[in-house]
Amino acid sequence: MLEAAPEMDWLDWILLVARVVVVFFAVLISVMLLIWMERKVAADMQTRMGPMRAGPRGVLITLADGIKLFFKEGITPTLADRPVYLLAPVIAMIPAFLAFAVIPFGTGVTLFGRHVPFQIADLNVGILWVLAMGSLMVYGIVLAGWSSGSNYPLLGSIRSTAQMISYEVGMGLALVAVLMYSGSLQMSQIVASQDRVWNAIPQFPAFAIYLIAGLAETNRPPFDLPEAETELVAGYFTEYSGIKFAMFYLGEYVNLVVVSSIAVTLFLGGWRGPHPSFVAWLWPLLWFIAKVVAVVYLYIWVRLTLPRIRYDRLMSFGWKFLIPIGLLWVLATGAVVVLPDVYGKGALLTGALIVVGAILVASLLWPLIAPRRQSAGETPQ
């Protein structure tokens, strides 16, 4: 029988509201520091100094940019569908904040005799909630491009729709492999299952697929085709200015924080890490922040290293490479989870050796049987 949930009193509601407010402002501050970090890392890789004037070593540059955009005059195009045009930035920003609600970022603390978890809601379908919020983000982009009444935003929104839908399939397959291996959809349970080894080690292909799909989901280079300044001016938010443009910008970076936090939660052990016994609630939080910063730094590194790829190659990579590998890895994960219970661990090891041997033999024979490409200027035999 299902147990009834304990009734919440006024103190529980106050603590819940306080937790929501703290998480909201923490995400905003993290976005401000993330943008400063990206500009500083970019400057360091390009042997520049980066922002230095606003605050100590330019740390308040994002706040200065936000204040400037807030007081800047907003311009609405004549041909824009005004209600949808104004609503699109909100739709693009809110799902990114909602997705963070199921991410555990620590063990919790005791206040007023109540245990306050470092998580807004521990849903038993946490992964499905994350996927649902990720799917909602595309609506803001599509509506922004359509309602602007211009060709460049419309093309950018169409690109974004195809890109996000395509790479959500690969991301979903990576998450399916993790939940099969962990045996739970609940975020806290997935973190608890990594007490001995992080999922990134036995589930490394799924981890790589998730990181690549995360680049496409957040429109980060080299997958920033919906914006593509050299082709579409600024893509789907070309006709936006002032605070409405800032909302798109904020939503994009909040989404980057969410994608990195999910990667940490599902693959890198979440808040787990060695820590001393004193101030026990603080160290898991610091471990979680350090891991998120490491993943964000990886995304920044990729942005500053790889050039933007062609759109047809982007779609081809997603459908012909990423999704087939994700499907094969889901099958392999299912075999690893189920076959030992049916046939024993010895049979699973034998099967794995046979598969690895077959792959090695095929890789050796492929150059002999594959048709050789004819080089330019070479006359056919």
Protein backbone atom coordinates (compact mmCIF):
# COMPACT_ATOMS: atom_id res chain seq x y z
CA MET A 1 0.00 0.00 0.00
CA LEU A 2 1.08 3.57 -0.69
CA GLU A 3 2.04 5.59 2.36
CA ALA A 4 0.49 9.02 2.73
CA ALA A 5 2.93 11.91 2.50
CA PRO A 6 3.54 13.66 5.83
CA GLU A 7 1.50 16.83 6.24
CA MET A 8 3.52 20.05 6.00
CA ASP A 9 3.06 22.76 8.61
CA TRP A 10 3.79 26.48 8.27
CA LEU A 11 7.48 26.05 9.17
CA ASP A 12 7.96 23.46 6.43
CA TRP A 13 6.40 25.83 3.90
CA ILE A 14 8.64 28.71 5.03
CA LEU A 15 11.74 26.52 4.71
CA LEU A 16 10.62 25.37 1.24
CA VAL A 17 10.05 28.92 0.01
CA ALA A 18 13.39 30.00 1.50
CA ARG A 19 15.10 27.09 -0.29
CA VAL A 20 13.55 28.11 -3.61
CA VAL A 21 14.62 31.74 -3.18
CA VAL A 22 18.17 30.78 -2.18
CA VAL A 23 18.55 28.41 -5.14
CA PHE A 24 17.14 31.02 -7.54
CA PHE A 25 19.60 33.71 -6.46
CA ALA A 26 22.45 31.18 -6.28
CA VAL A 27 21.82 30.25 -9.93
CA LEU A 28 21.74 33.93 -10.91
CA ILE A 29 25.04 34.58 -9.12
CA SER A 30 26.57 31.46 -10.68
CA VAL A 31 25.58 32.72 -14.15
CA MET A 32 27.18 36.08 -13.41
CA LEU A 33 30.42 34.41 -12.34
CA LEU A 34 30.24 31.93 -15.24
CA ILE A 35 30.12 34.69 -17.86
CA TRP A 36 33.06 36.43 -16.16
CA MET A 37 34.92 33.11 -16.05
CA GLU A 38 34.31 32.48 -19.75
CA ARG A 39 35.59 35.89 -20.74
CA LYS A 40 38.66 35.49 -18.54
CA VAL A 41 39.45 31.99 -19.84
CA ALA A 42 39.00 33.20 -23.43
CA ALA A 43 41.32 36.12 -22.76
CA ASP A 44 43.91 33.83 -21.18
CA MET A 45 43.85 31.42 -24.13
CA GLN A 46 44.22 34.37 -26.52
CA THR A 47 46.99 36.05 -24.44
CA ARG A 48 44.78 38.96 -23.41
CA MET A 49 43.79 40.34 -20.00
CA GLY A 50 40.01 40.31 -20.44
CA PRO A 51 37.67 42.51 -18.38
CA MET A 52 39.53 44.38 -15.61
CA ARG A 53 37.61 47.56 -14.75
CA ALA A 54 34.24 46.56 -13.22
CA GLY A 55 35.06 45.26 -9.75
CA PRO A 56 38.23 43.43 -8.65
CA ARG A 57 39.73 41.92 -11.82
CA GLY A 58 36.51 42.65 -13.67
CA VAL A 59 34.34 40.22 -11.66
CA LEU A 60 31.35 42.60 -11.79
CA ILE A 61 31.43 43.00 -15.58
CA THR A 62 28.31 40.83 -16.00
CA LEU A 63 26.41 42.93 -13.44
CA ALA A 64 27.43 46.08 -15.32
CA ASP A 65 26.24 44.56 -18.62
CA GLY A 66 22.94 43.55 -17.02
CA ILE A 67 22.33 47.05 -15.65
CA LYS A 68 23.13 48.52 -19.06
CA LEU A 69 20.69 46.18 -20.83
CA PHE A 70 18.00 46.77 -18.21
CA PHE A 71 17.96 50.54 -18.82
CA LYS A 72 18.48 50.28 -22.57
CA GLU A 73 15.51 51.18 -24.74
CA GLY A 74 13.71 48.14 -26.12
CA ILE A 75 12.83 48.20 -29.81
CA THR A 76 9.87 46.22 -31.13
CA PRO A 77 9.81 45.52 -34.90
CA THR A 78 6.79 46.82 -36.80
CA LEU A 79 5.93 43.40 -38.26
CA ALA A 80 6.32 41.54 -34.97
CA ASP A 81 3.46 39.62 -33.36
CA ARG A 82 3.68 41.68 -30.18
CA PRO A 83 2.17 39.32 -27.51
CA VAL A 84 4.19 36.31 -28.69
CA TYR A 85 7.26 38.49 -29.24
CA LEU A 86 7.17 39.64 -25.60
CA LEU A 87 6.34 36.19 -24.19
CA ALA A 88 9.09 34.25 -26.01
CA PRO A 89 12.04 35.39 -23.80
CA VAL A 90 10.12 34.33 -20.67
CA ILE A 91 9.35 30.90 -22.14
CA ALA A 92 13.01 30.48 -23.08
CA MET A 93 14.23 31.36 -19.56
CA ILE A 94 11.80 29.74 -17.10
CA PRO A 95 12.31 26.03 -18.03
CA ALA A 96 16.05 26.38 -17.39
CA PHE A 97 15.34 27.42 -13.78
CA LEU A 98 12.68 24.72 -13.33
CA ALA A 99 15.06 21.99 -14.50
CA PHE A 100 17.38 22.80 -11.58
CA ALA A 101 14.63 21.91 -9.08
CA VAL A 102 15.42 18.16 -9.05
CA ILE A 103 19.22 18.39 -8.82
CA PRO A 104 20.69 17.48 -5.40
CA PHE A 105 23.69 19.67 -4.62
CA GLY A 106 24.51 18.52 -1.10
CA THR A 107 23.46 16.39 1.85
CA GLY A 108 21.41 19.07 3.60
CA VAL A 109 21.44 20.84 6.94
CA THR A 110 19.33 20.81 10.10
CA LEU A 111 17.41 24.01 10.90
CA PHE A 112 14.84 24.46 13.70
CA GLY A 113 14.83 20.72 14.28
CA ARG A 114 13.96 20.00 10.61
CA HIS A 115 16.20 18.39 8.03
CA VAL A 116 16.47 20.76 5.06
CA PRO A 117 17.78 18.91 1.97
CA PHE A 118 19.93 20.72 -0.56
CA GLN A 119 17.37 19.98 -3.26
CA ILE A 120 14.06 21.66 -4.02
CA ALA A 121 12.11 18.53 -5.01
CA ASP A 122 13.29 14.92 -4.99
CA LEU A 123 10.93 13.60 -7.66
CA ASN A 124 10.83 9.87 -8.33
CA VAL A 125 10.88 10.73 -12.07
CA GLY A 126 13.70 13.25 -11.87
CA ILE A 127 15.28 12.37 -15.23
CA LEU A 128 11.92 12.66 -16.99
CA TRP A 129 11.45 16.10 -15.42
CA VAL A 130 14.83 17.20 -16.79
CA LEU A 131 13.97 15.94 -20.29
CA ALA A 132 10.58 17.66 -20.17
CA MET A 133 12.09 21.02 -19.20
CA GLY A 134 14.72 20.66 -21.91
CA SER A 135 11.98 20.07 -24.47
CA LEU A 136 10.11 23.21 -23.39
CA MET A 137 13.10 25.46 -24.06
CA VAL A 138 12.76 25.03 -27.82
CA TYR A 139 9.31 26.68 -27.72
CA GLY A 140 10.77 30.02 -26.65
CA ILE A 141 13.30 29.92 -29.49
CA VAL A 142 10.73 28.94 -32.12
CA LEU A 143 8.24 31.57 -30.99
CA ALA A 144 10.95 34.24 -30.89
CA GLY A 145 12.03 33.50 -34.45
CA TRP A 146 8.49 33.31 -35.80
CA SER A 147 7.10 36.37 -34.01
CA SER A 148 9.97 38.72 -34.96
CA GLY A 149 8.67 39.16 -38.50
CA SER A 150 12.12 38.79 -40.04
CA ASN A 151 13.81 36.14 -42.14
CA TYR A 152 17.04 35.76 -40.13
CA PRO A 153 15.31 34.96 -36.81
CA LEU A 154 12.93 32.57 -38.58
CA LEU A 155 15.81 30.63 -40.16
CA GLY A 156 17.61 30.54 -36.81
CA SER A 157 14.54 29.20 -35.01
CA ILE A 158 14.01 26.50 -37.66
CA ARG A 159 17.64 25.46 -37.32
CA SER A 160 17.34 25.36 -33.55
CA THR A 161 14.20 23.24 -33.70
CA ALA A 162 15.78 20.59 -35.90
CA GLN A 163 19.03 20.66 -33.93
CA MET A 164 17.51 20.39 -30.44
CA ILE A 165 15.01 17.69 -31.41
CA SER A 166 17.76 15.65 -33.10
CA TYR A 167 20.26 15.86 -30.27
CA GLU A 168 17.63 15.33 -27.58
CA VAL A 169 17.33 11.78 -28.93
CA GLY A 170 21.03 11.15 -28.34
CA MET A 171 20.88 12.78 -24.91
CA GLY A 172 17.84 10.68 -24.02
CA LEU A 173 19.66 7.47 -24.99
CA ALA A 174 22.61 8.45 -22.78
CA LEU A 175 20.24 9.05 -19.86
CA VAL A 176 18.43 5.76 -20.52
CA ALA A 177 21.72 3.91 -20.22
CA VAL A 178 22.44 5.61 -16.88
CA LEU A 179 19.03 4.88 -15.41
CA MET A 180 19.26 1.23 -16.54
CA TYR A 181 22.66 0.93 -14.88
CA SER A 182 21.57 2.74 -11.70
CA GLY A 183 18.11 1.20 -11.51
CA SER A 184 16.32 4.43 -10.65
CA LEU A 185 14.88 7.61 -12.18
CA GLN A 186 15.34 9.53 -8.93
CA MET A 187 18.31 11.89 -8.86
CA SER A 188 19.18 11.27 -5.22
CA GLN A 189 19.15 7.50 -5.76
CA ILE A 190 21.45 7.82 -8.78
CA VAL A 191 23.91 9.81 -6.65
CA ALA A 192 23.62 7.20 -3.89
CA SER A 193 24.42 4.40 -6.37
CA GLN A 194 27.80 6.04 -7.10
CA ASP A 195 29.19 5.50 -3.61
CA ARG A 196 31.93 3.17 -4.92
CA VAL A 197 32.61 4.29 -8.51
CA TRP A 198 31.32 7.18 -10.60
CA ASN A 199 29.05 6.32 -13.52
CA ALA A 200 31.43 8.12 -15.86
CA ILE A 201 33.79 5.12 -15.66
CA PRO A 202 31.51 2.17 -16.53
CA GLN A 203 29.23 4.45 -18.58
CA PHE A 204 31.91 6.48 -20.36
CA PRO A 205 30.31 6.24 -23.87
CA ALA A 206 27.03 7.55 -22.41
CA PHE A 207 28.99 10.31 -20.64
CA ALA A 208 30.66 11.35 -23.92
CA ILE A 209 27.33 11.29 -25.78
CA TYR A 210 25.71 13.42 -23.09
CA LEU A 211 28.50 16.02 -23.18
CA ILE A 212 28.30 16.31 -26.97
CA ALA A 213 24.51 16.49 -26.96
CA GLY A 214 24.73 19.09 -24.18
CA LEU A 215 26.70 21.36 -26.52
CA ALA A 216 23.90 21.15 -29.09
CA GLU A 217 21.15 21.61 -26.49
CA THR A 218 22.72 24.80 -25.16
CA ASN A 219 23.61 26.14 -28.65
CA ARG A 220 27.26 26.29 -27.68
CA PRO A 221 30.09 26.33 -30.24
CA PRO A 222 30.84 24.39 -32.37
CA PHE A 223 27.07 23.70 -32.47
CA ASP A 224 25.87 27.33 -32.34
CA LEU A 225 24.22 27.16 -35.77
CA PRO A 226 20.92 28.76 -34.57
CA GLU A 227 22.88 31.97 -33.86
CA ALA A 228 25.68 31.79 -36.47
CA GLU A 229 26.69 35.45 -36.60
CA THR A 230 28.45 35.05 -39.96
CA GLU A 231 25.27 33.69 -41.58
CA LEU A 232 22.21 34.84 -39.61
CA VAL A 233 23.42 38.06 -37.90
CA ALA A 234 22.42 36.74 -34.43
CA GLY A 235 19.88 34.04 -35.27
CA TYR A 236 16.59 33.77 -33.45
CA PHE A 237 17.11 36.84 -31.22
CA THR A 238 18.31 39.22 -33.95
CA GLU A 239 15.34 41.55 -33.42
CA TYR A 240 15.58 41.59 -29.61
CA SER A 241 17.24 44.30 -27.54
CA GLY A 242 17.42 45.58 -24.00
CA ILE A 243 16.06 43.45 -21.17
CA LYS A 244 14.40 40.98 -23.59
CA PHE A 245 17.79 40.17 -25.12
CA ALA A 246 19.24 39.83 -21.61
CA MET A 247 16.57 37.23 -20.77
CA PHE A 248 17.63 35.10 -23.74
CA TYR A 249 21.25 35.49 -22.70
CA LEU A 250 20.43 34.57 -19.10
CA GLY A 251 18.40 31.53 -20.15
CA GLU A 252 21.23 30.25 -22.33
CA TYR A 253 23.78 30.39 -19.50
CA VAL A 254 21.36 29.02 -16.89
CA ASN A 255 20.83 26.12 -19.29
CA LEU A 256 24.61 25.62 -19.42
CA VAL A 257 24.74 25.48 -15.60
CA VAL A 258 21.84 22.99 -15.57
CA VAL A 259 23.42 20.73 -18.23
CA SER A 260 26.72 20.75 -16.33
CA SER A 261 24.96 20.04 -13.01
CA ILE A 262 23.09 17.09 -14.53
CA ALA A 263 26.36 15.72 -15.91
CA VAL A 264 27.87 15.96 -12.42
CA THR A 265 24.83 14.34 -10.81
CA LEU A 266 24.45 11.42 -13.22
CA PHE A 267 28.06 10.67 -14.14
CA LEU A 268 30.52 12.30 -11.70
CA GLY A 269 29.14 11.22 -8.35
CA GLY A 270 27.13 14.35 -7.63
CA TRP A 271 28.13 15.92 -4.34
CA ARG A 272 30.17 12.88 -3.24
CA GLY A 273 33.84 13.31 -2.38
CA PRO A 274 36.30 12.89 0.50
CA HIS A 275 35.86 15.45 3.24
CA PRO A 276 36.75 16.00 6.92
CA SER A 277 34.21 15.39 9.66
CA PHE A 278 33.76 19.02 10.81
CA VAL A 279 31.12 21.20 9.08
CA ALA A 280 29.87 18.06 7.35
CA TRP A 281 27.19 19.84 5.29
CA LEU A 282 29.62 22.27 3.62
CA TRP A 283 32.08 19.89 1.93
CA PRO A 284 29.57 18.06 -0.30
CA LEU A 285 28.35 21.45 -1.53
CA LEU A 286 31.92 22.51 -2.33
CA TRP A 287 32.56 19.22 -4.14
CA PHE A 288 29.45 19.75 -6.25
CA ILE A 289 30.47 23.31 -7.15
CA ALA A 290 34.02 22.22 -8.04
CA LYS A 291 32.76 19.48 -10.36
CA VAL A 292 30.30 21.83 -12.08
CA VAL A 293 33.08 24.38 -12.63
CA ALA A 294 35.25 21.63 -14.16
CA VAL A 295 32.52 20.64 -16.64
CA VAL A 296 31.81 24.29 -17.51
CA TYR A 297 35.54 24.83 -18.09
CA LEU A 298 35.51 21.87 -20.48
CA TYR A 299 32.64 23.46 -22.44
CA ILE A 300 34.50 26.79 -22.57
CA TRP A 301 37.64 25.00 -23.74
CA VAL A 302 35.71 23.31 -26.55
CA ARG A 303 34.18 26.64 -27.59
CA LEU A 304 37.58 28.29 -27.89
CA THR A 305 39.20 25.33 -29.65
CA LEU A 306 36.82 23.99 -32.31
CA PRO A 307 35.41 25.96 -35.26
CA ARG A 308 31.70 26.07 -36.08
CA ILE A 309 30.78 23.12 -38.27
CA ARG A 310 28.51 23.12 -41.30
CA TYR A 311 24.81 22.58 -40.61
CA ASP A 312 24.44 19.47 -42.79
CA ARG A 313 27.42 17.91 -41.02
CA LEU A 314 25.90 18.80 -37.65
CA MET A 315 22.69 16.94 -38.47
CA SER A 316 24.56 14.07 -40.11
CA PHE A 317 26.74 13.64 -37.02
CA GLY A 318 23.70 13.53 -34.76
CA TRP A 319 21.59 11.06 -36.76
CA LYS A 320 24.27 8.86 -38.36
CA PHE A 321 26.84 8.70 -35.57
CA LEU A 322 25.60 9.82 -32.15
CA ILE A 323 22.20 8.11 -32.14
CA PRO A 324 23.42 4.70 -33.47
CA ILE A 325 26.21 4.63 -30.87
CA GLY A 326 23.67 5.56 -28.19
CA LEU A 327 21.37 2.72 -29.26
CA LEU A 328 24.23 0.21 -29.25
CA TRP A 329 25.33 1.37 -25.81
CA VAL A 330 21.79 1.03 -24.44
CA LEU A 331 21.76 -2.58 -25.72
CA ALA A 332 25.19 -3.22 -24.20
CA THR A 333 24.09 -1.73 -20.87
CA GLY A 334 20.98 -3.90 -20.88
CA ALA A 335 23.14 -6.97 -21.51
CA VAL A 336 25.49 -6.05 -18.66
CA VAL A 337 22.57 -5.52 -16.27
CA VAL A 338 20.41 -8.53 -17.21
CA LEU A 339 22.67 -11.31 -18.52
CA PRO A 340 24.64 -11.94 -15.27
CA ASP A 341 21.38 -12.73 -13.47
CA VAL A 342 20.33 -15.16 -16.22
CA TYR A 343 23.53 -16.84 -17.39
CA GLY A 344 26.09 -15.87 -14.74
CA LYS A 345 29.10 -13.58 -14.85
CA GLY A 346 31.26 -16.12 -16.71
CA ALA A 347 28.96 -16.17 -19.73
CA LEU A 348 28.87 -12.35 -19.78
CA LEU A 349 32.69 -12.18 -19.77
CA THR A 350 32.93 -14.73 -22.58
CA GLY A 351 30.39 -12.81 -24.66
CA ALA A 352 32.23 -9.53 -24.08
CA LEU A 353 35.52 -11.08 -25.22
CA ILE A 354 33.86 -12.45 -28.36
CA VAL A 355 32.39 -9.03 -29.22
CA VAL A 356 35.71 -7.23 -28.63
CA GLY A 357 37.52 -9.81 -30.77
CA ALA A 358 34.99 -9.45 -33.58
CA ILE A 359 35.40 -5.65 -33.53
CA LEU A 360 39.19 -5.95 -33.68
CA VAL A 361 39.06 -8.42 -36.59
CA ALA A 362 36.58 -6.21 -38.46
CA SER A 363 38.80 -3.15 -37.96
CA LEU A 364 41.78 -5.07 -39.38
CA LEU A 365 39.88 -6.40 -42.39
CA TRP A 366 37.99 -3.21 -43.24
CA PRO A 367 40.92 -1.48 -45.07
CA LEU A 368 41.23 -4.54 -47.30
CA ILE A 369 37.59 -4.73 -48.36
CA ALA A 370 36.55 -1.06 -48.25
CA PRO A 371 36.46 0.71 -51.62
CA ARG A 372 39.43 3.04 -52.03
CA ARG A 373 38.63 6.70 -52.62
CA GLN A 374 39.83 8.12 -55.89
CA SER A 375 42.04 11.12 -55.27
CA ALA A 376 41.72 14.33 -57.27
CA GLY A 377 43.49 14.14 -60.63
CA GLU A 378 43.89 10.36 -60.47
CA THR A 379 42.75 8.55 -63.60
CA PRO A 380 40.52 5.52 -63.04
CA GLN A 381 42.08 2.13 -63.78
